[in-house]
Amino acid sequence: MNGAVREVTPEVDADTLLAGAQFVDAFRIEIGAATVNAREACTRMVLHGPRWIDVLLRLRNILVSPFGLKTSGEGAPAPHGLIGLFPVVDETPERLVAGFDDYHLDFRIVVDVAGGTAGRQVTSTTLVRTHNLLGRTYLALITPFHKLVVRAMMGRIVEPAR
């Protein structure tokens, strides 16, 4: 049975994914028998999310550009291409890792798909390592929005692609 998005204890090796991460959280949704791999789940989250998230991202890009922060994945290594503005840095059918390093902070998004045919689940884990006061301030400001955004984006996984 498909369920609501819920916050869970992160079950990733943070040191391997982003050594020194000061922020790690995870959210999970039960998707029933839906056959979705990690790339498809991430694509549905990022590219088919609610419109208000697009507005928040545009506002964020306007506000951070004077500080020289990245407003997209431009120039970041993307061995497996981009999903939206996120460079995919590692990928298997069960796990996709995206993110990039910037002046103020580095981040990774990890999308894991697990479970049997009748009880599959998707977990999205976010890891952040800040480098300076700007990074710590930015993280403190976006954390409340982050939780709302991730919950809304994950709700799109069980909906058919648009």
N, C-alpha and C. Protein backbone atom coordinates (compact mmCIF):
# COMPACT_ATOMS: atom_id res chain seq x y z
N MET A 1 0.85 -1.19 0.00
CA MET A 1 0.00 0.00 0.00
C MET A 1 0.89 1.24 0.00
N ASN A 2 0.54 2.19 -0.84
CA ASN A 2 1.32 3.42 -0.91
C ASN A 2 1.04 4.26 0.33
N GLY A 3 2.11 4.84 0.88
CA GLY A 3 1.96 5.58 2.12
C GLY A 3 2.39 7.02 1.99
N ALA A 4 2.35 7.67 3.13
CA ALA A 4 2.78 9.06 3.19
C ALA A 4 4.30 9.11 3.33
N VAL A 5 4.85 10.25 3.00
CA VAL A 5 6.29 10.47 3.17
C VAL A 5 6.54 10.67 4.65
N ARG A 6 7.54 9.95 5.18
CA ARG A 6 7.87 10.11 6.59
C ARG A 6 9.37 10.25 6.76
N GLU A 7 9.75 11.02 7.78
CA GLU A 7 11.16 11.18 8.08
C GLU A 7 11.64 9.91 8.78
N VAL A 8 12.84 9.43 8.39
CA VAL A 8 13.40 8.20 8.94
C VAL A 8 14.85 8.45 9.34
N THR A 9 15.41 7.54 10.11
CA THR A 9 16.83 7.61 10.46
C THR A 9 17.64 7.30 9.21
N PRO A 10 18.60 8.15 8.85
CA PRO A 10 19.41 7.88 7.66
C PRO A 10 20.14 6.54 7.78
N GLU A 11 20.13 5.77 6.68
CA GLU A 11 20.78 4.45 6.66
C GLU A 11 21.84 4.42 5.57
N VAL A 12 22.68 5.45 5.50
CA VAL A 12 23.74 5.51 4.49
C VAL A 12 25.08 5.64 5.19
N ASP A 13 26.14 5.32 4.48
CA ASP A 13 27.49 5.51 5.00
C ASP A 13 27.91 6.94 4.64
N ALA A 14 27.64 7.86 5.56
CA ALA A 14 27.89 9.28 5.29
C ALA A 14 29.37 9.55 4.98
N ASP A 15 30.27 8.84 5.64
CA ASP A 15 31.70 9.08 5.40
C ASP A 15 32.12 8.71 3.99
N THR A 16 31.48 7.70 3.41
CA THR A 16 31.79 7.32 2.03
C THR A 16 31.15 8.30 1.04
N LEU A 17 29.93 8.72 1.31
CA LEU A 17 29.20 9.58 0.38
C LEU A 17 29.66 11.03 0.44
N LEU A 18 29.91 11.56 1.65
CA LEU A 18 30.34 12.94 1.82
C LEU A 18 31.02 13.06 3.19
N ALA A 19 32.29 12.72 3.22
CA ALA A 19 33.03 12.73 4.49
C ALA A 19 32.93 14.10 5.15
N GLY A 20 32.67 14.09 6.46
CA GLY A 20 32.58 15.33 7.21
C GLY A 20 31.23 16.02 7.15
N ALA A 21 30.22 15.37 6.59
CA ALA A 21 28.88 15.99 6.50
C ALA A 21 28.38 16.34 7.90
N GLN A 22 27.91 17.58 8.05
CA GLN A 22 27.36 18.02 9.34
C GLN A 22 25.84 17.88 9.39
N PHE A 23 25.22 17.71 8.24
CA PHE A 23 23.76 17.59 8.16
C PHE A 23 23.43 16.36 7.34
N VAL A 24 22.62 15.47 7.91
CA VAL A 24 22.14 14.29 7.19
C VAL A 24 20.70 14.06 7.62
N ASP A 25 19.79 13.95 6.65
CA ASP A 25 18.43 13.55 6.98
C ASP A 25 17.91 12.64 5.87
N ALA A 26 16.81 11.94 6.17
CA ALA A 26 16.27 11.00 5.20
C ALA A 26 14.75 10.95 5.33
N PHE A 27 14.10 10.75 4.18
CA PHE A 27 12.66 10.61 4.10
C PHE A 27 12.34 9.38 3.26
N ARG A 28 11.24 8.70 3.60
CA ARG A 28 10.89 7.46 2.90
C ARG A 28 9.41 7.46 2.55
N ILE A 29 9.12 6.82 1.42
CA ILE A 29 7.74 6.60 1.01
C ILE A 29 7.59 5.17 0.54
N GLU A 30 6.49 4.54 0.94
CA GLU A 30 6.16 3.19 0.47
C GLU A 30 5.48 3.36 -0.88
N ILE A 31 5.94 2.58 -1.88
CA ILE A 31 5.38 2.73 -3.23
C ILE A 31 4.66 1.47 -3.69
N GLY A 32 4.42 0.52 -2.79
CA GLY A 32 3.69 -0.70 -3.13
C GLY A 32 4.44 -1.51 -4.16
N ALA A 33 3.73 -1.93 -5.21
CA ALA A 33 4.33 -2.78 -6.24
C ALA A 33 4.86 -1.97 -7.42
N ALA A 34 4.86 -0.64 -7.31
CA ALA A 34 5.32 0.19 -8.43
C ALA A 34 6.75 -0.20 -8.81
N THR A 35 7.00 -0.33 -10.09
CA THR A 35 8.34 -0.70 -10.56
C THR A 35 9.05 0.57 -11.00
N VAL A 36 9.80 1.11 -10.09
CA VAL A 36 10.53 2.36 -10.31
C VAL A 36 11.97 2.13 -9.90
N ASN A 37 12.92 2.48 -10.78
CA ASN A 37 14.32 2.40 -10.37
C ASN A 37 14.73 3.75 -9.78
N ALA A 38 15.97 3.83 -9.30
CA ALA A 38 16.42 5.04 -8.60
C ALA A 38 16.41 6.26 -9.51
N ARG A 39 16.83 6.11 -10.78
CA ARG A 39 16.83 7.25 -11.70
C ARG A 39 15.41 7.75 -11.95
N GLU A 40 14.48 6.84 -12.17
CA GLU A 40 13.10 7.26 -12.41
C GLU A 40 12.52 7.94 -11.17
N ALA A 41 12.79 7.41 -9.99
CA ALA A 41 12.29 8.03 -8.76
C ALA A 41 12.86 9.44 -8.62
N CYS A 42 14.17 9.59 -8.85
CA CYS A 42 14.80 10.91 -8.74
C CYS A 42 14.25 11.86 -9.79
N THR A 43 14.05 11.37 -11.01
CA THR A 43 13.52 12.20 -12.09
C THR A 43 12.11 12.69 -11.74
N ARG A 44 11.28 11.78 -11.25
CA ARG A 44 9.92 12.19 -10.86
C ARG A 44 9.96 13.23 -9.74
N MET A 45 10.89 13.06 -8.79
CA MET A 45 11.00 14.01 -7.69
C MET A 45 11.43 15.39 -8.19
N VAL A 46 12.47 15.42 -9.02
CA VAL A 46 13.11 16.68 -9.41
C VAL A 46 12.38 17.37 -10.56
N LEU A 47 12.01 16.61 -11.58
CA LEU A 47 11.46 17.24 -12.78
C LEU A 47 9.94 17.36 -12.76
N HIS A 48 9.28 16.60 -11.91
CA HIS A 48 7.82 16.63 -11.89
C HIS A 48 7.27 17.05 -10.54
N GLY A 49 8.07 17.82 -9.82
CA GLY A 49 7.66 18.29 -8.50
C GLY A 49 6.61 19.39 -8.60
N PRO A 50 6.05 19.77 -7.48
CA PRO A 50 5.06 20.84 -7.47
C PRO A 50 5.63 22.15 -8.01
N ARG A 51 4.80 22.95 -8.65
CA ARG A 51 5.24 24.21 -9.27
C ARG A 51 5.82 25.20 -8.25
N TRP A 52 5.30 25.19 -7.02
CA TRP A 52 5.81 26.14 -6.02
C TRP A 52 7.27 25.90 -5.72
N ILE A 53 7.76 24.66 -5.92
CA ILE A 53 9.18 24.38 -5.71
C ILE A 53 10.01 25.10 -6.78
N ASP A 54 9.52 25.12 -8.02
CA ASP A 54 10.21 25.84 -9.09
C ASP A 54 10.34 27.33 -8.75
N VAL A 55 9.28 27.89 -8.17
CA VAL A 55 9.30 29.30 -7.77
C VAL A 55 10.36 29.52 -6.68
N LEU A 56 10.39 28.63 -5.69
CA LEU A 56 11.40 28.74 -4.63
C LEU A 56 12.82 28.64 -5.18
N LEU A 57 13.04 27.73 -6.14
CA LEU A 57 14.38 27.59 -6.73
C LEU A 57 14.79 28.82 -7.51
N ARG A 58 13.84 29.40 -8.25
CA ARG A 58 14.16 30.64 -8.99
C ARG A 58 14.50 31.76 -8.02
N LEU A 59 13.73 31.87 -6.93
CA LEU A 59 14.01 32.88 -5.91
C LEU A 59 15.38 32.64 -5.28
N ARG A 60 15.69 31.41 -4.96
CA ARG A 60 16.99 31.07 -4.40
C ARG A 60 18.10 31.49 -5.35
N ASN A 61 17.96 31.20 -6.63
CA ASN A 61 19.00 31.54 -7.61
C ASN A 61 19.21 33.05 -7.69
N ILE A 62 18.14 33.80 -7.62
CA ILE A 62 18.26 35.27 -7.65
C ILE A 62 18.99 35.77 -6.40
N LEU A 63 18.63 35.20 -5.24
CA LEU A 63 19.20 35.67 -3.98
C LEU A 63 20.67 35.28 -3.81
N VAL A 64 21.10 34.12 -4.34
CA VAL A 64 22.48 33.68 -4.10
C VAL A 64 23.46 34.13 -5.18
N SER A 65 22.96 34.54 -6.34
CA SER A 65 23.89 34.90 -7.42
C SER A 65 24.85 36.04 -7.05
N PRO A 66 24.43 37.05 -6.27
CA PRO A 66 25.40 38.08 -5.89
C PRO A 66 26.57 37.56 -5.03
N PHE A 67 26.38 36.40 -4.40
CA PHE A 67 27.42 35.83 -3.55
C PHE A 67 28.34 34.88 -4.32
N GLY A 68 28.09 34.73 -5.62
CA GLY A 68 28.94 33.87 -6.45
C GLY A 68 28.65 32.39 -6.27
N LEU A 69 27.50 32.03 -5.69
CA LEU A 69 27.17 30.63 -5.49
C LEU A 69 26.57 30.05 -6.77
N LYS A 70 26.74 28.75 -6.95
CA LYS A 70 26.22 28.09 -8.14
C LYS A 70 24.70 28.18 -8.16
N THR A 71 24.18 28.44 -9.35
CA THR A 71 22.73 28.46 -9.51
C THR A 71 22.26 27.27 -10.33
N SER A 72 23.16 26.41 -10.73
CA SER A 72 22.83 25.16 -11.41
C SER A 72 24.05 24.26 -11.30
N GLY A 73 23.98 23.11 -11.92
CA GLY A 73 25.08 22.18 -11.87
C GLY A 73 26.18 22.50 -12.87
N GLU A 74 26.19 23.68 -13.43
CA GLU A 74 27.17 24.05 -14.45
C GLU A 74 28.59 23.82 -13.95
N GLY A 75 29.37 23.17 -14.79
CA GLY A 75 30.77 22.99 -14.49
C GLY A 75 31.05 21.86 -13.51
N ALA A 76 30.02 21.29 -12.90
CA ALA A 76 30.24 20.21 -11.96
C ALA A 76 30.40 18.90 -12.73
N PRO A 77 31.24 18.00 -12.21
CA PRO A 77 31.39 16.71 -12.89
C PRO A 77 30.06 15.95 -12.87
N ALA A 78 29.65 15.42 -13.99
CA ALA A 78 28.39 14.69 -14.08
C ALA A 78 28.61 13.42 -14.90
N PRO A 79 29.28 12.43 -14.32
CA PRO A 79 29.61 11.23 -15.09
C PRO A 79 28.37 10.51 -15.64
N HIS A 80 27.23 10.72 -15.01
CA HIS A 80 26.01 10.05 -15.45
C HIS A 80 24.94 11.06 -15.90
N GLY A 81 25.35 12.26 -16.32
CA GLY A 81 24.42 13.27 -16.80
C GLY A 81 23.80 14.08 -15.67
N LEU A 82 22.79 14.84 -16.03
CA LEU A 82 22.09 15.71 -15.09
C LEU A 82 20.65 15.25 -14.94
N ILE A 83 20.09 15.46 -13.75
CA ILE A 83 18.65 15.37 -13.54
C ILE A 83 18.27 16.74 -13.01
N GLY A 84 17.61 17.51 -13.85
CA GLY A 84 17.36 18.91 -13.51
C GLY A 84 18.70 19.61 -13.42
N LEU A 85 18.96 20.28 -12.31
CA LEU A 85 20.25 20.96 -12.14
C LEU A 85 21.24 20.12 -11.35
N PHE A 86 20.88 18.87 -11.03
CA PHE A 86 21.73 18.03 -10.20
C PHE A 86 22.59 17.08 -11.02
N PRO A 87 23.92 17.22 -10.95
CA PRO A 87 24.80 16.26 -11.61
C PRO A 87 24.72 14.89 -10.92
N VAL A 88 24.53 13.84 -11.71
CA VAL A 88 24.51 12.48 -11.17
C VAL A 88 25.95 11.99 -11.10
N VAL A 89 26.41 11.68 -9.89
CA VAL A 89 27.81 11.30 -9.71
C VAL A 89 28.02 9.80 -9.58
N ASP A 90 26.96 9.05 -9.26
CA ASP A 90 27.07 7.60 -9.19
C ASP A 90 25.66 7.03 -9.35
N GLU A 91 25.58 5.82 -9.95
CA GLU A 91 24.24 5.30 -10.20
C GLU A 91 24.25 3.80 -10.40
N THR A 92 23.28 3.15 -9.74
CA THR A 92 22.90 1.77 -10.01
C THR A 92 21.37 1.79 -10.10
N PRO A 93 20.74 0.69 -10.51
CA PRO A 93 19.26 0.71 -10.53
C PRO A 93 18.65 0.96 -9.15
N GLU A 94 19.36 0.55 -8.08
CA GLU A 94 18.83 0.68 -6.72
C GLU A 94 19.25 1.97 -6.03
N ARG A 95 20.30 2.65 -6.52
CA ARG A 95 20.78 3.86 -5.84
C ARG A 95 21.31 4.86 -6.85
N LEU A 96 20.89 6.12 -6.66
CA LEU A 96 21.41 7.23 -7.45
C LEU A 96 21.95 8.27 -6.49
N VAL A 97 23.17 8.75 -6.78
CA VAL A 97 23.79 9.79 -5.96
C VAL A 97 24.00 11.00 -6.86
N ALA A 98 23.47 12.14 -6.44
CA ALA A 98 23.63 13.38 -7.20
C ALA A 98 24.11 14.47 -6.26
N GLY A 99 24.63 15.55 -6.83
CA GLY A 99 25.07 16.68 -6.02
C GLY A 99 26.33 17.29 -6.57
N PHE A 100 26.78 18.36 -5.91
CA PHE A 100 28.02 19.00 -6.32
C PHE A 100 28.64 19.75 -5.16
N ASP A 101 29.88 20.15 -5.37
CA ASP A 101 30.63 20.89 -4.38
C ASP A 101 30.65 22.36 -4.78
N ASP A 102 30.50 23.23 -3.82
CA ASP A 102 30.49 24.67 -4.07
C ASP A 102 31.38 25.34 -3.02
N TYR A 103 31.55 26.64 -3.18
CA TYR A 103 32.39 27.44 -2.30
C TYR A 103 31.91 27.37 -0.85
N HIS A 104 30.59 27.44 -0.66
CA HIS A 104 30.04 27.53 0.70
C HIS A 104 29.69 26.17 1.30
N LEU A 105 29.31 25.21 0.46
CA LEU A 105 28.96 23.89 0.97
C LEU A 105 28.98 22.87 -0.16
N ASP A 106 29.06 21.60 0.23
CA ASP A 106 28.94 20.47 -0.69
C ASP A 106 27.69 19.71 -0.28
N PHE A 107 26.99 19.14 -1.25
CA PHE A 107 25.82 18.36 -0.89
C PHE A 107 25.67 17.14 -1.80
N ARG A 108 25.00 16.15 -1.27
CA ARG A 108 24.65 14.95 -2.03
C ARG A 108 23.21 14.61 -1.72
N ILE A 109 22.53 14.15 -2.75
CA ILE A 109 21.19 13.59 -2.61
C ILE A 109 21.33 12.12 -2.99
N VAL A 110 20.87 11.23 -2.13
CA VAL A 110 20.96 9.80 -2.39
C VAL A 110 19.53 9.27 -2.46
N VAL A 111 19.17 8.66 -3.58
CA VAL A 111 17.84 8.07 -3.75
C VAL A 111 18.02 6.56 -3.81
N ASP A 112 17.45 5.86 -2.82
CA ASP A 112 17.54 4.40 -2.74
C ASP A 112 16.17 3.78 -2.96
N VAL A 113 16.12 2.73 -3.77
CA VAL A 113 14.89 1.95 -3.98
C VAL A 113 15.16 0.56 -3.43
N ALA A 114 14.27 0.07 -2.56
CA ALA A 114 14.49 -1.23 -1.92
C ALA A 114 13.16 -1.94 -1.74
N GLY A 115 13.25 -3.22 -1.38
CA GLY A 115 12.06 -4.00 -1.06
C GLY A 115 11.67 -4.93 -2.19
N GLY A 116 10.75 -5.85 -1.86
CA GLY A 116 10.26 -6.82 -2.83
C GLY A 116 9.18 -6.25 -3.71
N THR A 117 8.67 -7.09 -4.60
CA THR A 117 7.69 -6.62 -5.59
C THR A 117 6.41 -6.09 -4.98
N ALA A 118 6.03 -6.58 -3.81
CA ALA A 118 4.78 -6.11 -3.20
C ALA A 118 4.98 -4.98 -2.20
N GLY A 119 6.22 -4.75 -1.76
CA GLY A 119 6.43 -3.75 -0.72
C GLY A 119 7.67 -2.91 -0.96
N ARG A 120 7.70 -2.22 -2.08
CA ARG A 120 8.86 -1.40 -2.41
C ARG A 120 8.79 -0.06 -1.69
N GLN A 121 9.97 0.52 -1.46
CA GLN A 121 10.04 1.84 -0.82
C GLN A 121 11.17 2.63 -1.43
N VAL A 122 11.02 3.95 -1.40
CA VAL A 122 12.06 4.86 -1.87
C VAL A 122 12.46 5.74 -0.70
N THR A 123 13.78 5.85 -0.52
CA THR A 123 14.32 6.70 0.54
C THR A 123 15.19 7.77 -0.11
N SER A 124 14.98 9.01 0.26
CA SER A 124 15.81 10.12 -0.21
C SER A 124 16.59 10.66 0.99
N THR A 125 17.92 10.60 0.87
CA THR A 125 18.80 11.07 1.93
C THR A 125 19.56 12.29 1.43
N THR A 126 19.64 13.32 2.24
CA THR A 126 20.39 14.53 1.91
C THR A 126 21.56 14.65 2.87
N LEU A 127 22.75 14.92 2.31
CA LEU A 127 23.95 15.13 3.11
C LEU A 127 24.54 16.48 2.74
N VAL A 128 24.96 17.25 3.75
CA VAL A 128 25.54 18.57 3.50
C VAL A 128 26.79 18.73 4.37
N ARG A 129 27.86 19.25 3.74
CA ARG A 129 29.09 19.60 4.45
C ARG A 129 29.33 21.08 4.17
N THR A 130 29.31 21.90 5.22
CA THR A 130 29.52 23.33 5.03
C THR A 130 31.02 23.64 5.14
N HIS A 131 31.41 24.76 4.50
CA HIS A 131 32.82 25.16 4.48
C HIS A 131 33.11 26.44 5.26
N ASN A 132 32.10 27.25 5.49
CA ASN A 132 32.35 28.57 6.06
C ASN A 132 31.06 29.13 6.65
N LEU A 133 31.12 30.35 7.14
CA LEU A 133 29.95 30.99 7.74
C LEU A 133 28.80 31.11 6.73
N LEU A 134 29.12 31.43 5.50
CA LEU A 134 28.08 31.53 4.47
C LEU A 134 27.36 30.19 4.32
N GLY A 135 28.10 29.10 4.27
CA GLY A 135 27.50 27.78 4.15
C GLY A 135 26.63 27.43 5.34
N ARG A 136 27.12 27.71 6.54
CA ARG A 136 26.35 27.42 7.75
C ARG A 136 25.08 28.27 7.81
N THR A 137 25.19 29.53 7.42
CA THR A 137 24.03 30.42 7.41
C THR A 137 23.01 29.95 6.37
N TYR A 138 23.50 29.63 5.18
CA TYR A 138 22.62 29.15 4.10
C TYR A 138 21.87 27.89 4.55
N LEU A 139 22.61 26.93 5.13
CA LEU A 139 21.98 25.69 5.59
C LEU A 139 20.92 25.98 6.65
N ALA A 140 21.21 26.85 7.60
CA ALA A 140 20.24 27.19 8.64
C ALA A 140 18.98 27.81 8.05
N LEU A 141 19.15 28.65 7.02
CA LEU A 141 18.00 29.32 6.39
C LEU A 141 17.14 28.37 5.57
N ILE A 142 17.77 27.41 4.88
CA ILE A 142 16.97 26.55 3.99
C ILE A 142 16.44 25.29 4.66
N THR A 143 16.94 24.91 5.82
CA THR A 143 16.52 23.65 6.43
C THR A 143 15.01 23.53 6.59
N PRO A 144 14.29 24.53 7.10
CA PRO A 144 12.83 24.37 7.20
C PRO A 144 12.17 24.17 5.83
N PHE A 145 12.64 24.87 4.82
CA PHE A 145 12.09 24.71 3.47
C PHE A 145 12.47 23.35 2.90
N HIS A 146 13.68 22.91 3.17
CA HIS A 146 14.18 21.62 2.67
C HIS A 146 13.23 20.49 3.03
N LYS A 147 12.81 20.45 4.28
CA LYS A 147 11.94 19.36 4.73
C LYS A 147 10.59 19.39 4.00
N LEU A 148 10.03 20.56 3.81
CA LEU A 148 8.78 20.69 3.06
C LEU A 148 8.96 20.28 1.60
N VAL A 149 10.06 20.73 1.01
CA VAL A 149 10.33 20.46 -0.41
C VAL A 149 10.53 18.96 -0.64
N VAL A 150 11.33 18.32 0.19
CA VAL A 150 11.58 16.89 0.00
C VAL A 150 10.30 16.09 0.14
N ARG A 151 9.50 16.40 1.14
CA ARG A 151 8.22 15.69 1.30
C ARG A 151 7.33 15.86 0.06
N ALA A 152 7.23 17.08 -0.45
CA ALA A 152 6.39 17.34 -1.63
C ALA A 152 6.95 16.63 -2.87
N MET A 153 8.27 16.68 -3.03
CA MET A 153 8.88 16.04 -4.20
C MET A 153 8.72 14.52 -4.15
N MET A 154 8.87 13.93 -2.98
CA MET A 154 8.75 12.47 -2.88
C MET A 154 7.33 11.99 -3.13
N GLY A 155 6.37 12.84 -2.85
CA GLY A 155 4.98 12.47 -3.13
C GLY A 155 4.72 12.25 -4.61
N ARG A 156 5.58 12.78 -5.46
CA ARG A 156 5.44 12.64 -6.90
C ARG A 156 5.95 11.30 -7.43
N ILE A 157 6.65 10.54 -6.62
CA ILE A 157 7.22 9.28 -7.09
C ILE A 157 6.14 8.30 -7.49
N VAL A 158 5.05 8.24 -6.73
CA VAL A 158 4.01 7.26 -7.00
C VAL A 158 3.04 7.72 -8.09
N GLU A 159 3.13 8.97 -8.50
CA GLU A 159 2.26 9.47 -9.55
C GLU A 159 2.87 9.15 -10.91
N PRO A 160 2.04 8.88 -11.92
CA PRO A 160 2.58 8.61 -13.25
C PRO A 160 3.36 9.82 -13.77
N ALA A 161 4.39 9.57 -14.54
CA ALA A 161 5.19 10.66 -15.13
C ALA A 161 4.29 11.51 -16.01
N ARG A 162 4.51 12.84 -15.94
CA ARG A 162 3.71 13.76 -16.76
C ARG A 162 4.40 14.06 -18.05
